[in-house]
Amino acid sequence: MGMPDGDVLLGPQVLLRAPKVEDAEDLFASVTSDPNVTEYLSWTPHPDVDETLRVITEMFNVGDDHTWLIALRDSGEVIGELGYRQPQRHAVNIGYCLGRQWWGRGIMSEAVSVLLQQLQQDSSVFRASAACHVDNVGSARVLERCGLALEGRLVRYLVFPNLGPEPQDCLLYARAMR
């Protein structure tokens, strides 16, 4: 499955494109090595660029994973990643992260909106959802800005290894796509 190599999505500030092995160093430097970026994610910061390279080649766009790199449209600079998995044929679960220096600029809201517009074109997708840690206010705001509604609190739902070994509470956001 994955995504076609030429699948590029454009927004006013962002360009979403498939990751390439050549992106590993930039992605590592700006995103995957930063403990602040990964704090509320399901994975720990990458210890070295080889781990980022492994993820690009072995995990991104494999099976039901659809992952784009987020790049600045004017410079091409890699600043984050965005993607979804499709646990059911009619539904997608969205996930994302953005380099810290670009937080608070509306970039992630734009990137998620661009992805949702793309998903709207897929007649088989009826639902888009995302879960975020209850303390991740920034992510909750992104989801709300993009038209996802809070459906509820999921008690002890996900393990966030950067916060500890026990499952943590999450907020579930979703929207109907048709």
C-alpha atoms as a PDB file:
ATOM      1  CA  MET A   1       0.000   0.000   0.000  1.00  0.00           C
ATOM      2  CA  GLY A   2       1.859   3.111   1.175  1.00  0.00           C
ATOM      3  CA  MET A   3       1.761   6.083  -1.147  1.00  0.00           C
ATOM      4  CA  PRO A   4       2.810   6.671  -4.732  1.00  0.00           C
ATOM      5  CA  ASP A   5       6.243   8.311  -5.029  1.00  0.00           C
ATOM      6  CA  GLY A   6       4.781  11.321  -6.822  1.00  0.00           C
ATOM      7  CA  ASP A   7       2.057  11.982  -4.237  1.00  0.00           C
ATOM      8  CA  VAL A   8       2.782  15.600  -3.272  1.00  0.00           C
ATOM      9  CA  LEU A   9       0.250  17.731  -1.396  1.00  0.00           C
ATOM     10  CA  LEU A  10       0.518  21.519  -1.318  1.00  0.00           C
ATOM     11  CA  GLY A  11      -0.668  24.189   1.083  1.00  0.00           C
ATOM     12  CA  PRO A  12       0.152  27.896   1.161  1.00  0.00           C
ATOM     13  CA  GLN A  13       3.193  27.358   3.432  1.00  0.00           C
ATOM     14  CA  VAL A  14       3.791  23.602   3.266  1.00  0.00           C
ATOM     15  CA  LEU A  15       4.636  20.861   0.851  1.00  0.00           C
ATOM     16  CA  LEU A  16       3.842  17.295   1.895  1.00  0.00           C
ATOM     17  CA  ARG A  17       5.884  14.637   0.113  1.00  0.00           C
ATOM     18  CA  ALA A  18       7.102  11.082   0.532  1.00  0.00           C
ATOM     19  CA  PRO A  19      10.198  10.661   2.708  1.00  0.00           C
ATOM     20  CA  LYS A  20      13.462   9.702   0.988  1.00  0.00           C
ATOM     21  CA  VAL A  21      16.630   8.228   2.466  1.00  0.00           C
ATOM     22  CA  GLU A  22      18.355  11.546   1.731  1.00  0.00           C
ATOM     23  CA  ASP A  23      15.990  13.206   4.268  1.00  0.00           C
ATOM     24  CA  ALA A  24      17.270  11.221   7.261  1.00  0.00           C
ATOM     25  CA  GLU A  25      19.861  13.767   8.434  1.00  0.00           C
ATOM     26  CA  ASP A  26      17.512  16.770   8.180  1.00  0.00           C
ATOM     27  CA  LEU A  27      14.641  14.906   9.838  1.00  0.00           C
ATOM     28  CA  PHE A  28      16.947  13.710  12.622  1.00  0.00           C
ATOM     29  CA  ALA A  29      18.357  17.198  13.226  1.00  0.00           C
ATOM     30  CA  SER A  30      15.030  19.022  13.333  1.00  0.00           C
ATOM     31  CA  VAL A  31      12.499  16.471  14.569  1.00  0.00           C
ATOM     32  CA  THR A  32      13.309  12.893  15.566  1.00  0.00           C
ATOM     33  CA  SER A  33      16.193  13.608  17.963  1.00  0.00           C
ATOM     34  CA  ASP A  34      14.390  16.308  19.980  1.00  0.00           C
ATOM     35  CA  PRO A  35      12.938  15.145  23.342  1.00  0.00           C
ATOM     36  CA  ASN A  36      10.548  18.117  23.349  1.00  0.00           C
ATOM     37  CA  VAL A  37       9.090  17.057  19.996  1.00  0.00           C
ATOM     38  CA  THR A  38       8.720  13.408  21.025  1.00  0.00           C
ATOM     39  CA  GLU A  39       7.441  14.025  24.570  1.00  0.00           C
ATOM     40  CA  TYR A  40       3.819  13.154  23.712  1.00  0.00           C
ATOM     41  CA  LEU A  41       4.567  10.605  20.995  1.00  0.00           C
ATOM     42  CA  SER A  42       4.534   6.803  21.098  1.00  0.00           C
ATOM     43  CA  TRP A  43       8.280   6.615  20.394  1.00  0.00           C
ATOM     44  CA  THR A  44      11.430   7.917  22.054  1.00  0.00           C
ATOM     45  CA  PRO A  45      13.891  10.353  20.461  1.00  0.00           C
ATOM     46  CA  HIS A  46      16.129   8.666  17.941  1.00  0.00           C
ATOM     47  CA  PRO A  47      19.653   8.155  19.335  1.00  0.00           C
ATOM     48  CA  ASP A  48      21.295   8.667  15.943  1.00  0.00           C
ATOM     49  CA  VAL A  49      20.561   9.335  12.291  1.00  0.00           C
ATOM     50  CA  ASP A  50      20.746   5.603  11.535  1.00  0.00           C
ATOM     51  CA  GLU A  51      17.532   5.073  13.502  1.00  0.00           C
ATOM     52  CA  THR A  52      15.786   7.802  11.497  1.00  0.00           C
ATOM     53  CA  LEU A  53      17.044   6.177   8.295  1.00  0.00           C
ATOM     54  CA  ARG A  54      15.726   2.799   9.475  1.00  0.00           C
ATOM     55  CA  VAL A  55      12.282   4.286  10.156  1.00  0.00           C
ATOM     56  CA  ILE A  56      12.199   5.947   6.723  1.00  0.00           C
ATOM     57  CA  THR A  57      13.116   2.711   4.921  1.00  0.00           C
ATOM     58  CA  GLU A  58      11.344   0.105   7.061  1.00  0.00           C
ATOM     59  CA  MET A  59       8.279   1.784   8.562  1.00  0.00           C
ATOM     60  CA  PHE A  60       7.148   4.773   6.516  1.00  0.00           C
ATOM     61  CA  ASN A  61       4.713   3.839   3.748  1.00  0.00           C
ATOM     62  CA  VAL A  62       4.840   0.136   4.563  1.00  0.00           C
ATOM     63  CA  GLY A  63       1.601  -1.802   4.972  1.00  0.00           C
ATOM     64  CA  ASP A  64      -1.234   0.530   5.933  1.00  0.00           C
ATOM     65  CA  ASP A  65       1.121   3.405   6.848  1.00  0.00           C
ATOM     66  CA  HIS A  66       0.890   6.592   4.774  1.00  0.00           C
ATOM     67  CA  THR A  67       3.553   9.131   5.818  1.00  0.00           C
ATOM     68  CA  TRP A  68       4.549  12.457   4.308  1.00  0.00           C
ATOM     69  CA  LEU A  69       7.380  14.730   5.316  1.00  0.00           C
ATOM     70  CA  ILE A  70       6.324  18.289   5.980  1.00  0.00           C
ATOM     71  CA  ALA A  71       8.589  20.747   4.193  1.00  0.00           C
ATOM     72  CA  LEU A  72       8.415  24.512   3.893  1.00  0.00           C
ATOM     73  CA  ARG A  73       7.057  25.231   0.447  1.00  0.00           C
ATOM     74  CA  ASP A  74       9.402  28.139  -0.307  1.00  0.00           C
ATOM     75  CA  SER A  75      12.674  26.506   0.820  1.00  0.00           C
ATOM     76  CA  GLY A  76      12.013  22.762   0.867  1.00  0.00           C
ATOM     77  CA  GLU A  77      13.354  22.580   4.431  1.00  0.00           C
ATOM     78  CA  VAL A  78      12.127  19.422   6.217  1.00  0.00           C
ATOM     79  CA  ILE A  79      10.338  20.422   9.426  1.00  0.00           C
ATOM     80  CA  GLY A  80       8.060  17.533  10.403  1.00  0.00           C
ATOM     81  CA  GLU A  81       6.086  14.476   9.478  1.00  0.00           C
ATOM     82  CA  LEU A  82       2.405  13.673   9.087  1.00  0.00           C
ATOM     83  CA  GLY A  83       0.567  10.519   8.277  1.00  0.00           C
ATOM     84  CA  TYR A  84      -2.187   8.072   8.923  1.00  0.00           C
ATOM     85  CA  ARG A  85      -2.917   4.421   9.325  1.00  0.00           C
ATOM     86  CA  GLN A  86      -6.110   2.799   8.172  1.00  0.00           C
ATOM     87  CA  PRO A  87      -7.171   0.277  10.834  1.00  0.00           C
ATOM     88  CA  GLN A  88     -10.499  -0.171   9.072  1.00  0.00           C
ATOM     89  CA  ARG A  89     -11.269   0.341   5.421  1.00  0.00           C
ATOM     90  CA  HIS A  90     -13.560   3.276   6.139  1.00  0.00           C
ATOM     91  CA  ALA A  91     -11.515   5.040   8.863  1.00  0.00           C
ATOM     92  CA  VAL A  92      -8.074   6.627   9.277  1.00  0.00           C
ATOM     93  CA  ASN A  93      -6.067   7.529  12.387  1.00  0.00           C
ATOM     94  CA  ILE A  94      -3.873  10.595  11.947  1.00  0.00           C
ATOM     95  CA  GLY A  95      -0.548  11.309  13.651  1.00  0.00           C
ATOM     96  CA  TYR A  96       2.029  14.061  13.296  1.00  0.00           C
ATOM     97  CA  CYS A  97       4.992  15.901  14.765  1.00  0.00           C
ATOM     98  CA  LEU A  98       6.720  19.175  13.995  1.00  0.00           C
ATOM     99  CA  GLY A  99      10.152  20.545  14.792  1.00  0.00           C
ATOM    100  CA  ARG A 100      10.031  22.788  17.847  1.00  0.00           C
ATOM    101  CA  GLN A 101      11.226  25.974  16.136  1.00  0.00           C
ATOM    102  CA  TRP A 102       8.074  25.925  13.945  1.00  0.00           C
ATOM    103  CA  TRP A 103       5.555  25.506  16.773  1.00  0.00           C
ATOM    104  CA  GLY A 104       2.889  28.183  17.150  1.00  0.00           C
ATOM    105  CA  ARG A 105       2.935  29.345  13.520  1.00  0.00           C
ATOM    106  CA  GLY A 106      -0.145  27.506  12.218  1.00  0.00           C
ATOM    107  CA  ILE A 107       2.003  25.183  10.119  1.00  0.00           C
ATOM    108  CA  MET A 108       0.708  21.927  11.592  1.00  0.00           C
ATOM    109  CA  SER A 109      -2.899  23.077  11.329  1.00  0.00           C
ATOM    110  CA  GLU A 110      -2.273  23.821   7.666  1.00  0.00           C
ATOM    111  CA  ALA A 111      -0.598  20.450   7.052  1.00  0.00           C
ATOM    112  CA  VAL A 112      -3.412  18.501   8.747  1.00  0.00           C
ATOM    113  CA  SER A 113      -6.002  20.501   6.782  1.00  0.00           C
ATOM    114  CA  VAL A 114      -4.223  19.687   3.515  1.00  0.00           C
ATOM    115  CA  LEU A 115      -4.254  15.983   4.434  1.00  0.00           C
ATOM    116  CA  LEU A 116      -7.945  16.112   5.377  1.00  0.00           C
ATOM    117  CA  GLN A 117      -8.737  17.739   2.014  1.00  0.00           C
ATOM    118  CA  GLN A 118      -6.931  14.862   0.309  1.00  0.00           C
ATOM    119  CA  LEU A 119      -8.809  12.287   2.385  1.00  0.00           C
ATOM    120  CA  GLN A 120     -12.087  13.997   1.492  1.00  0.00           C
ATOM    121  CA  GLN A 121     -11.400  12.940  -2.124  1.00  0.00           C
ATOM    122  CA  ASP A 122     -11.265   9.262  -1.139  1.00  0.00           C
ATOM    123  CA  SER A 123     -14.819   7.904  -1.344  1.00  0.00           C
ATOM    124  CA  SER A 124     -13.903   4.921   0.858  1.00  0.00           C
ATOM    125  CA  VAL A 125     -12.902   7.078   3.876  1.00  0.00           C
ATOM    126  CA  PHE A 126     -15.818   8.060   6.113  1.00  0.00           C
ATOM    127  CA  ARG A 127     -14.002   8.938   9.345  1.00  0.00           C
ATOM    128  CA  ALA A 128     -10.748  10.618  10.375  1.00  0.00           C
ATOM    129  CA  SER A 129      -9.596  10.544  13.987  1.00  0.00           C
ATOM    130  CA  ALA A 130      -6.604  11.391  16.156  1.00  0.00           C
ATOM    131  CA  ALA A 131      -5.777  10.850  19.807  1.00  0.00           C
ATOM    132  CA  CYS A 132      -3.539  13.129  21.842  1.00  0.00           C
ATOM    133  CA  HIS A 133      -2.301  13.076  25.431  1.00  0.00           C
ATOM    134  CA  VAL A 134      -4.640  14.973  27.753  1.00  0.00           C
ATOM    135  CA  ASP A 135      -1.880  17.500  28.543  1.00  0.00           C
ATOM    136  CA  ASN A 136      -0.925  18.137  24.908  1.00  0.00           C
ATOM    137  CA  VAL A 137      -2.865  21.376  24.542  1.00  0.00           C
ATOM    138  CA  GLY A 138      -1.107  22.356  21.304  1.00  0.00           C
ATOM    139  CA  SER A 139      -2.119  19.168  19.538  1.00  0.00           C
ATOM    140  CA  ALA A 140      -5.700  19.419  20.789  1.00  0.00           C
ATOM    141  CA  ARG A 141      -5.891  22.951  19.362  1.00  0.00           C
ATOM    142  CA  VAL A 142      -4.563  21.771  15.989  1.00  0.00           C
ATOM    143  CA  LEU A 143      -7.279  19.111  15.810  1.00  0.00           C
ATOM    144  CA  GLU A 144     -10.015  21.541  16.794  1.00  0.00           C
ATOM    145  CA  ARG A 145      -8.828  24.119  14.221  1.00  0.00           C
ATOM    146  CA  CYS A 146      -8.999  21.404  11.573  1.00  0.00           C
ATOM    147  CA  GLY A 147     -12.623  20.616  12.331  1.00  0.00           C
ATOM    148  CA  LEU A 148     -12.244  17.505  14.441  1.00  0.00           C
ATOM    149  CA  ALA A 149     -14.582  17.324  17.432  1.00  0.00           C
ATOM    150  CA  LEU A 150     -13.720  16.026  20.863  1.00  0.00           C
ATOM    151  CA  GLU A 151     -15.446  12.665  21.248  1.00  0.00           C
ATOM    152  CA  GLY A 152     -14.174  11.892  24.721  1.00  0.00           C
ATOM    153  CA  ARG A 153     -11.410  10.920  27.053  1.00  0.00           C
ATOM    154  CA  LEU A 154      -9.821   7.498  26.603  1.00  0.00           C
ATOM    155  CA  VAL A 155      -8.709   6.319  30.032  1.00  0.00           C
ATOM    156  CA  ARG A 156      -5.266   4.651  30.238  1.00  0.00           C
ATOM    157  CA  TYR A 157      -5.281   4.359  26.447  1.00  0.00           C
ATOM    158  CA  LEU A 158      -1.713   4.803  25.147  1.00  0.00           C
ATOM    159  CA  VAL A 159       1.794   4.391  26.470  1.00  0.00           C
ATOM    160  CA  PHE A 160       3.932   7.474  25.979  1.00  0.00           C
ATOM    161  CA  PRO A 161       7.420   6.086  26.680  1.00  0.00           C
ATOM    162  CA  ASN A 162       8.858   9.555  27.259  1.00  0.00           C
ATOM    163  CA  LEU A 163       6.411  10.036  30.161  1.00  0.00           C
ATOM    164  CA  GLY A 164       6.709   6.575  31.705  1.00  0.00           C
ATOM    165  CA  PRO A 165       5.837   2.904  31.213  1.00  0.00           C
ATOM    166  CA  GLU A 166       2.141   3.063  32.132  1.00  0.00           C
ATOM    167  CA  PRO A 167      -0.706   3.853  29.729  1.00  0.00           C
ATOM    168  CA  GLN A 168      -1.862   7.464  29.880  1.00  0.00           C
ATOM    169  CA  ASP A 169      -5.214   9.143  29.251  1.00  0.00           C
ATOM    170  CA  CYS A 170      -5.854  10.585  25.787  1.00  0.00           C
ATOM    171  CA  LEU A 171      -8.409  12.812  24.150  1.00  0.00           C
ATOM    172  CA  LEU A 172     -10.065  11.374  21.057  1.00  0.00           C
ATOM    173  CA  TYR A 173     -10.934  13.778  18.256  1.00  0.00           C
ATOM    174  CA  ALA A 174     -12.721  12.812  15.045  1.00  0.00           C
ATOM    175  CA  ARG A 175     -14.771  14.036  12.123  1.00  0.00           C
ATOM    176  CA  ALA A 176     -16.965  12.471   9.519  1.00  0.00           C
ATOM    177  CA  MET A 177     -15.500  12.830   6.047  1.00  0.00           C
ATOM    178  CA  ARG A 178     -18.830  12.409   4.238  1.00  0.00           C
END
